[in-house]
């Protein structure tokens, strides 16, 4: 699930609630699901729940029945607690399916439209921004999110190095709030959709801007396989914070810093479609499974906006309110 990393782990960042769930390992040991306390202690849930073969995915498959036991374990100071300092943090879950929402932040869509605008396009920039805003209003009214599918092999740990493929001409960051599914969901309503969300985590949905659109076949449009699905292109985690610990997923701050400089800093309130509408929309076509990820889109402030794409040696620090923080160092493929 996690590639070997030479990057230093990010400092332990606080999260909301009495506990979070992670996937961790001791030196040379197998990865295990862990209950993480706010002070950095970790409980191996294989031993605590008496299930030696337990994985985070299995835990999510039994989320509703196990959640009360997790709360009880978190409240008990006596136990075989481990120190986070002695453990490696992997991506918190290995999903079977990844659903990615595109063009879901109002300001981000406007910025991208202007950035990709042809030099000889008619009208002013202000007119172009107004036109895109009108299109988004229509999408919202007609309940038409834009969702595509990602590969589980893109998942990497929250502190793993990110290998930039030699073919990627314009690698870019896209920090996002990700919802983690707790039980099978098929054709659920918006009103009941959040009942199928176990919790939330952080995802950085990296994109090579140079290969988003097919140059050889423009009518076909976007090529998400090429532009988004290189190994490790989705740093995930560090934790899954239970949904009950997040008061309002539409009021979280998404912040990404590149080499210490803030590039993205936006509230999830700018989303066109919230978590419930995305989960419901996806479930009308696909059957969501426990452990699946629903990525909710990225706010304004991507590299294409700043005219500064990722390169060898860059360090990205990403955080979402109440979910902790991740750190990713970029390494050029030919520099390995």
Protein backbone atom coordinates (compact mmCIF):
# COMPACT_ATOMS: atom_id res chain seq x y z
CA UNK A 1 0.00 0.00 0.00
CA UNK A 2 2.87 2.36 0.73
CA UNK A 3 6.08 2.98 -1.21
CA UNK A 4 9.44 3.39 0.45
CA UNK A 5 10.03 6.97 1.51
CA UNK A 6 13.05 9.10 2.22
CA UNK A 7 10.87 12.03 3.27
CA UNK A 8 10.67 13.11 6.88
CA UNK A 9 7.29 12.56 8.51
CA UNK A 10 5.21 15.66 9.06
CA UNK A 11 4.82 16.77 12.68
CA UNK A 12 1.86 15.13 14.37
CA UNK A 13 -1.12 17.40 13.66
CA UNK A 14 -4.26 17.42 15.81
CA UNK A 15 -7.53 15.97 14.55
CA UNK A 16 -11.13 16.29 15.72
CA UNK A 17 -12.74 13.88 18.14
CA UNK A 18 -11.52 11.29 20.64
CA UNK A 19 -9.80 9.06 18.07
CA UNK A 20 -8.98 8.42 14.43
CA UNK A 21 -8.24 5.26 12.48
CA UNK A 22 -4.94 4.67 10.70
CA UNK A 23 -2.93 1.91 9.09
CA UNK A 24 0.51 1.60 10.63
CA UNK A 25 3.45 -0.76 10.99
CA UNK A 26 6.40 -1.25 13.28
CA UNK A 27 9.87 -1.67 11.82
CA UNK A 28 9.86 -4.81 9.69
CA UNK A 29 6.33 -5.71 10.74
CA UNK A 30 3.06 -6.12 8.89
CA UNK A 31 0.69 -3.18 8.55
CA UNK A 32 -2.17 -3.14 11.04
CA UNK A 33 -5.28 -1.04 11.72
CA UNK A 34 -4.67 1.30 14.61
CA UNK A 35 -6.80 3.46 16.85
CA UNK A 36 -4.94 6.77 17.16
CA UNK A 37 -5.46 8.98 20.21
CA UNK A 38 -5.16 12.79 20.04
CA UNK A 39 -1.95 12.65 22.06
CA UNK A 40 -0.20 10.37 19.58
CA UNK A 41 -0.75 7.01 21.26
CA UNK A 42 -1.76 4.08 19.06
CA UNK A 43 -3.70 0.92 19.88
CA UNK A 44 -3.21 -2.12 17.65
CA UNK A 45 -6.81 -3.08 16.89
CA UNK A 46 -5.88 -6.63 15.93
CA UNK A 47 -5.04 -7.33 19.57
CA UNK A 48 -7.59 -4.97 21.11
CA UNK A 49 -10.48 -6.58 19.21
CA UNK A 50 -9.04 -10.10 19.32
CA UNK A 51 -8.80 -10.48 15.54
CA UNK A 52 -5.25 -11.23 14.36
CA UNK A 53 -6.20 -10.95 10.67
CA UNK A 54 -8.08 -7.66 11.01
CA UNK A 55 -7.47 -5.00 8.35
CA UNK A 56 -8.75 -1.45 8.07
CA UNK A 57 -10.97 -2.50 5.16
CA UNK A 58 -12.57 -5.27 7.24
CA UNK A 59 -13.03 -2.78 10.06
CA UNK A 60 -14.91 -0.46 7.69
CA UNK A 61 -17.08 -3.35 6.47
CA UNK A 62 -18.29 -3.72 10.08
CA UNK A 63 -18.15 -0.04 10.91
CA UNK A 64 -21.62 0.42 12.40
CA UNK A 65 -21.32 -2.49 14.82
CA UNK A 66 -17.69 -1.81 15.75
CA UNK A 67 -17.89 1.97 16.26
CA UNK A 68 -19.20 1.76 19.87
CA UNK A 69 -16.29 -0.55 20.77
CA UNK A 70 -13.83 1.91 19.26
CA UNK A 71 -15.24 4.70 21.41
CA UNK A 72 -14.88 2.49 24.50
CA UNK A 73 -11.28 1.64 23.66
CA UNK A 74 -10.43 5.30 23.11
CA UNK A 75 -11.80 6.18 26.54
CA UNK A 76 -9.76 3.49 28.34
CA UNK A 77 -6.27 4.69 29.30
CA UNK A 78 -5.21 1.15 30.21
CA UNK A 79 -4.07 -0.98 27.32
CA UNK A 80 -1.15 -1.92 25.11
CA UNK A 81 -0.71 1.59 23.76
CA UNK A 82 2.16 2.22 21.36
CA UNK A 83 3.96 5.44 20.53
CA UNK A 84 3.32 6.90 17.11
CA UNK A 85 6.99 7.91 17.03
CA UNK A 86 7.93 4.22 16.74
CA UNK A 87 5.55 3.46 13.86
CA UNK A 88 5.34 4.08 10.14
CA UNK A 89 2.12 5.63 8.84
CA UNK A 90 0.65 4.17 5.66
CA UNK A 91 -2.39 5.27 3.67
CA UNK A 92 -5.30 4.70 6.07
CA UNK A 93 -7.22 2.39 3.73
CA UNK A 94 -6.68 0.43 0.53
CA UNK A 95 -9.87 1.21 -1.42
CA UNK A 96 -11.45 -0.97 -4.06
CA UNK A 97 -12.92 2.01 -5.90
CA UNK A 98 -12.03 5.69 -6.12
CA UNK A 99 -14.59 8.19 -7.35
CA UNK A 100 -13.21 11.63 -8.16
CA UNK A 101 -15.23 14.79 -8.52
CA UNK A 102 -13.96 17.33 -11.01
CA UNK A 103 -14.83 21.01 -11.43
CA UNK A 104 -16.53 21.09 -8.03
CA UNK A 105 -15.14 24.31 -6.54
CA UNK A 106 -16.61 27.46 -7.97
CA UNK A 107 -13.50 29.65 -7.86
CA UNK A 108 -11.27 26.80 -9.06
CA UNK A 109 -13.39 26.17 -12.16
CA UNK A 110 -13.39 29.86 -13.03
CA UNK A 111 -9.60 30.06 -12.64
CA UNK A 112 -9.03 26.97 -14.79
CA UNK A 113 -11.32 28.26 -17.52
CA UNK A 114 -9.38 31.51 -17.67
CA UNK A 115 -6.03 29.71 -17.54
CA UNK A 116 -6.95 27.47 -20.50
CA UNK A 117 -8.58 30.28 -22.47
CA UNK A 118 -7.26 30.63 -26.01
CA UNK A 119 -5.34 33.86 -26.67
CA UNK A 120 -7.69 34.74 -29.53
CA UNK A 121 -10.89 33.87 -27.63
CA UNK A 122 -13.63 36.49 -28.07
CA UNK A 123 -14.71 38.74 -25.20
CA UNK A 124 -12.95 39.91 -22.07
CA UNK A 125 -11.64 37.82 -19.17
CA UNK A 126 -14.44 39.21 -17.00
CA UNK A 127 -17.02 38.05 -19.54
CA UNK A 128 -15.42 34.60 -19.63
CA UNK A 129 -15.57 34.32 -15.83
CA UNK A 130 -19.24 35.33 -15.84
CA UNK A 131 -20.02 32.76 -18.54
CA UNK A 132 -18.37 29.95 -16.57
CA UNK A 133 -20.20 31.02 -13.40
CA UNK A 134 -23.52 30.76 -15.26
CA UNK A 135 -22.67 27.24 -16.45
CA UNK A 136 -21.90 26.18 -12.87
CA UNK A 137 -25.17 27.61 -11.61
CA UNK A 138 -27.00 25.56 -14.23
CA UNK A 139 -25.10 22.38 -13.23
CA UNK A 140 -25.99 22.93 -9.59
CA UNK A 141 -29.66 23.50 -10.42
CA UNK A 142 -29.83 20.39 -12.61
CA UNK A 143 -27.93 18.28 -10.05
CA UNK A 144 -25.18 17.19 -12.45
CA UNK A 145 -21.84 16.66 -10.69
CA UNK A 146 -18.86 15.65 -12.83
CA UNK A 147 -17.41 12.37 -11.54
CA UNK A 148 -14.80 10.01 -12.97
CA UNK A 149 -12.98 6.91 -11.73
CA UNK A 150 -9.43 6.56 -10.40
CA UNK A 151 -7.22 3.52 -9.84
CA UNK A 152 -6.43 2.17 -6.35
CA UNK A 153 -2.78 1.79 -7.43
CA UNK A 154 -2.43 5.58 -7.28
CA UNK A 155 -2.72 5.51 -3.48
CA UNK A 156 0.41 6.27 -1.45
CA UNK A 157 1.03 7.07 2.19
CA UNK A 158 0.69 10.56 3.67
CA UNK A 159 4.44 10.97 4.17
CA UNK A 160 5.72 8.96 1.19
CA UNK A 161 7.87 10.51 -1.51
CA UNK A 162 6.03 11.32 -4.74
CA UNK A 163 7.91 10.09 -7.81
CA UNK A 164 7.32 12.50 -10.69
CA UNK A 165 7.14 10.44 -13.91
CA UNK A 166 9.64 11.50 -16.56
CA UNK A 167 6.79 11.92 -19.05
CA UNK A 168 4.79 14.31 -16.84
CA UNK A 169 5.45 17.78 -18.23
CA UNK A 170 3.14 19.74 -15.90
CA UNK A 171 2.55 17.84 -12.62
CA UNK A 172 0.17 19.74 -10.36
CA UNK A 173 -1.32 19.43 -6.89
CA UNK A 174 -5.02 19.16 -5.97
CA UNK A 175 -5.66 18.86 -2.23
CA UNK A 176 -9.11 17.53 -1.41
CA UNK A 177 -11.49 16.37 1.27
CA UNK A 178 -12.21 12.66 0.80
CA UNK A 179 -15.20 10.77 2.19
CA UNK A 180 -14.69 7.10 3.17
CA UNK A 181 -17.68 4.79 2.63
CA UNK A 182 -18.81 2.48 5.46
CA UNK A 183 -21.44 0.23 3.87
CA UNK A 184 -22.72 -0.69 0.41
CA UNK A 185 -24.64 2.21 -1.12
CA UNK A 186 -26.78 1.90 -4.21
CA UNK A 187 -29.37 4.43 -5.30
CA UNK A 188 -29.44 6.25 -1.98
CA UNK A 189 -31.09 9.64 -1.60
CA UNK A 190 -29.28 12.86 -0.76
CA UNK A 191 -31.05 12.87 2.62
CA UNK A 192 -29.68 9.45 3.61
CA UNK A 193 -26.30 9.61 1.84
CA UNK A 194 -24.23 10.71 4.84
CA UNK A 195 -25.38 7.62 6.74
CA UNK A 196 -23.08 5.66 4.41
CA UNK A 197 -19.97 7.72 5.24
CA UNK A 198 -17.68 6.26 7.91
CA UNK A 199 -15.42 9.28 8.07
CA UNK A 200 -13.17 11.68 6.24
CA UNK A 201 -9.53 11.87 5.24
CA UNK A 202 -7.16 13.99 3.13
CA UNK A 203 -6.30 13.22 -0.49
CA UNK A 204 -3.93 15.00 -2.87
CA UNK A 205 -5.25 14.17 -6.33
CA UNK A 206 -2.17 14.91 -8.44
CA UNK A 207 -2.64 15.74 -12.12
CA UNK A 208 -0.36 16.14 -15.11
CA UNK A 209 -1.96 19.16 -16.77
CA UNK A 210 -0.16 18.50 -20.06
CA UNK A 211 -2.04 15.24 -20.63
CA UNK A 212 -5.52 16.14 -19.37
CA UNK A 213 -6.75 16.78 -22.91
CA UNK A 214 -6.09 14.47 -25.86
CA UNK A 215 -4.02 16.35 -28.44
CA UNK A 216 -4.46 13.66 -31.09
CA UNK A 217 -8.25 13.36 -30.69
CA UNK A 218 -9.69 16.63 -29.31
CA UNK A 219 -13.35 15.56 -29.70
CA UNK A 220 -12.81 12.74 -27.19
CA UNK A 221 -11.91 15.29 -24.50
CA UNK A 222 -10.20 14.42 -21.21
CA UNK A 223 -7.76 11.58 -20.62
CA UNK A 224 -7.92 10.90 -16.88
CA UNK A 225 -6.04 7.59 -17.16
CA UNK A 226 -2.92 9.31 -18.43
CA UNK A 227 -3.12 12.53 -16.44
CA UNK A 228 -4.10 11.21 -12.99
CA UNK A 229 -3.28 7.54 -12.55
CA UNK A 230 0.49 7.20 -12.23
CA UNK A 231 1.60 5.13 -9.21
CA UNK A 232 1.53 7.24 -6.06
CA UNK A 233 -0.47 10.09 -7.60
CA UNK A 234 -2.93 10.05 -4.66
CA UNK A 235 -1.19 10.63 -1.32
CA UNK A 236 -3.84 9.71 1.25
CA UNK A 237 -4.26 10.29 4.96
CA UNK A 238 -2.87 10.23 7.53
CA UNK A 239 -6.11 9.24 9.28
CA UNK A 240 -9.77 8.44 8.84
CA UNK A 241 -11.59 10.69 11.28
CA UNK A 242 -15.08 9.34 12.09
CA UNK A 243 -17.91 11.32 10.54
CA UNK A 244 -19.40 11.95 13.98
CA UNK A 245 -16.33 14.00 14.89
CA UNK A 246 -16.76 16.36 11.92
CA UNK A 247 -19.59 18.76 12.66
CA UNK A 248 -20.02 20.08 9.13
CA UNK A 249 -18.05 18.73 6.12
CA UNK A 250 -19.12 21.82 4.18
CA UNK A 251 -17.24 24.10 6.60
CA UNK A 252 -13.64 22.84 6.55
CA UNK A 253 -10.53 24.69 5.44
CA UNK A 254 -8.42 22.99 2.74
CA UNK A 255 -4.83 24.27 2.84
CA UNK A 256 -1.79 23.29 0.80
CA UNK A 257 1.65 24.80 1.20
CA UNK A 258 4.45 24.36 -1.33
CA UNK A 259 7.88 24.68 0.27
CA UNK A 260 6.23 26.61 3.10
CA UNK A 261 4.28 29.03 0.88
CA UNK A 262 0.47 28.83 0.97
CA UNK A 263 -0.96 27.97 -2.45
CA UNK A 264 -4.44 26.64 -1.63
CA UNK A 265 -6.49 27.95 1.28
CA UNK A 266 -10.23 27.63 0.73
CA UNK A 267 -13.33 26.48 2.60
CA UNK A 268 -15.27 23.44 1.46
CA UNK A 269 -18.20 25.85 1.50
CA UNK A 270 -17.08 26.79 -2.04
CA UNK A 271 -18.03 23.31 -3.30
CA UNK A 272 -20.80 23.28 -5.88
CA UNK A 273 -21.94 19.80 -4.78
CA UNK A 274 -21.48 18.75 -1.15
CA UNK A 275 -20.59 15.28 0.12
CA UNK A 276 -24.20 14.08 0.38
CA UNK A 277 -25.05 15.12 -3.18
CA UNK A 278 -21.89 13.49 -4.55
CA UNK A 279 -22.43 10.19 -2.73
CA UNK A 280 -26.07 10.07 -3.81
CA UNK A 281 -25.24 10.96 -7.42
CA UNK A 282 -22.51 8.29 -7.70
CA UNK A 283 -24.79 5.67 -6.14
CA UNK A 284 -27.43 6.17 -8.82
CA UNK A 285 -25.06 4.44 -11.27
CA UNK A 286 -22.40 2.57 -9.27
CA UNK A 287 -22.55 0.47 -6.13
CA UNK A 288 -20.31 2.06 -3.51
CA UNK A 289 -18.48 -0.40 -1.25
CA UNK A 290 -16.99 -0.10 2.25
CA UNK A 291 -13.59 1.56 2.09
CA UNK A 292 -14.31 3.30 -1.21
CA UNK A 293 -13.20 6.91 -1.54
CA UNK A 294 -15.26 9.82 -2.79
CA UNK A 295 -12.91 12.69 -3.59
CA UNK A 296 -14.83 15.95 -3.50
CA UNK A 297 -12.73 18.12 -5.81
CA UNK A 298 -9.98 20.66 -5.30
CA UNK A 299 -10.27 24.37 -4.52
CA UNK A 300 -8.58 27.27 -6.28
CA UNK A 301 -4.83 27.70 -6.04
CA UNK A 302 -3.41 24.89 -8.16
CA UNK A 303 -0.03 25.17 -9.83
CA UNK A 304 -1.55 25.96 -13.20
CA UNK A 305 -3.10 29.06 -11.60
CA UNK A 306 0.21 30.21 -10.12
CA UNK A 307 2.27 29.29 -13.18
CA UNK A 308 4.40 27.05 -10.96
CA UNK A 309 4.22 23.27 -11.41
CA UNK A 310 5.82 20.58 -9.27
CA UNK A 311 9.50 19.74 -9.64
CA UNK A 312 12.21 17.65 -8.02
CA UNK A 313 12.74 18.51 -4.35
CA UNK A 314 9.42 20.27 -3.78
CA UNK A 315 7.65 19.56 -0.48
CA UNK A 316 3.87 19.78 -0.20
CA UNK A 317 2.21 20.15 3.20
CA UNK A 318 -1.54 19.53 3.07
CA UNK A 319 -4.14 19.87 5.80
CA UNK A 320 -7.91 19.86 6.16
CA UNK A 321 -9.59 21.13 9.32
CA UNK A 322 -9.91 18.35 11.88
CA UNK A 323 -8.21 15.68 9.77
CA UNK A 324 -4.52 16.16 10.57
CA UNK A 325 -1.86 16.87 7.95
CA UNK A 326 0.25 15.14 5.32
CA UNK A 327 3.66 15.92 3.86
CA UNK A 328 4.87 14.80 0.43
CA UNK A 329 8.30 15.33 -1.10
CA UNK A 330 8.60 15.25 -4.89
CA UNK A 331 11.40 13.22 -6.44
CA UNK A 332 12.16 13.17 -10.14
CA UNK A 333 11.99 9.68 -11.65
CA UNK A 334 15.46 9.99 -13.17
CA UNK A 335 16.88 11.13 -9.82
CA UNK A 336 16.04 7.89 -7.99
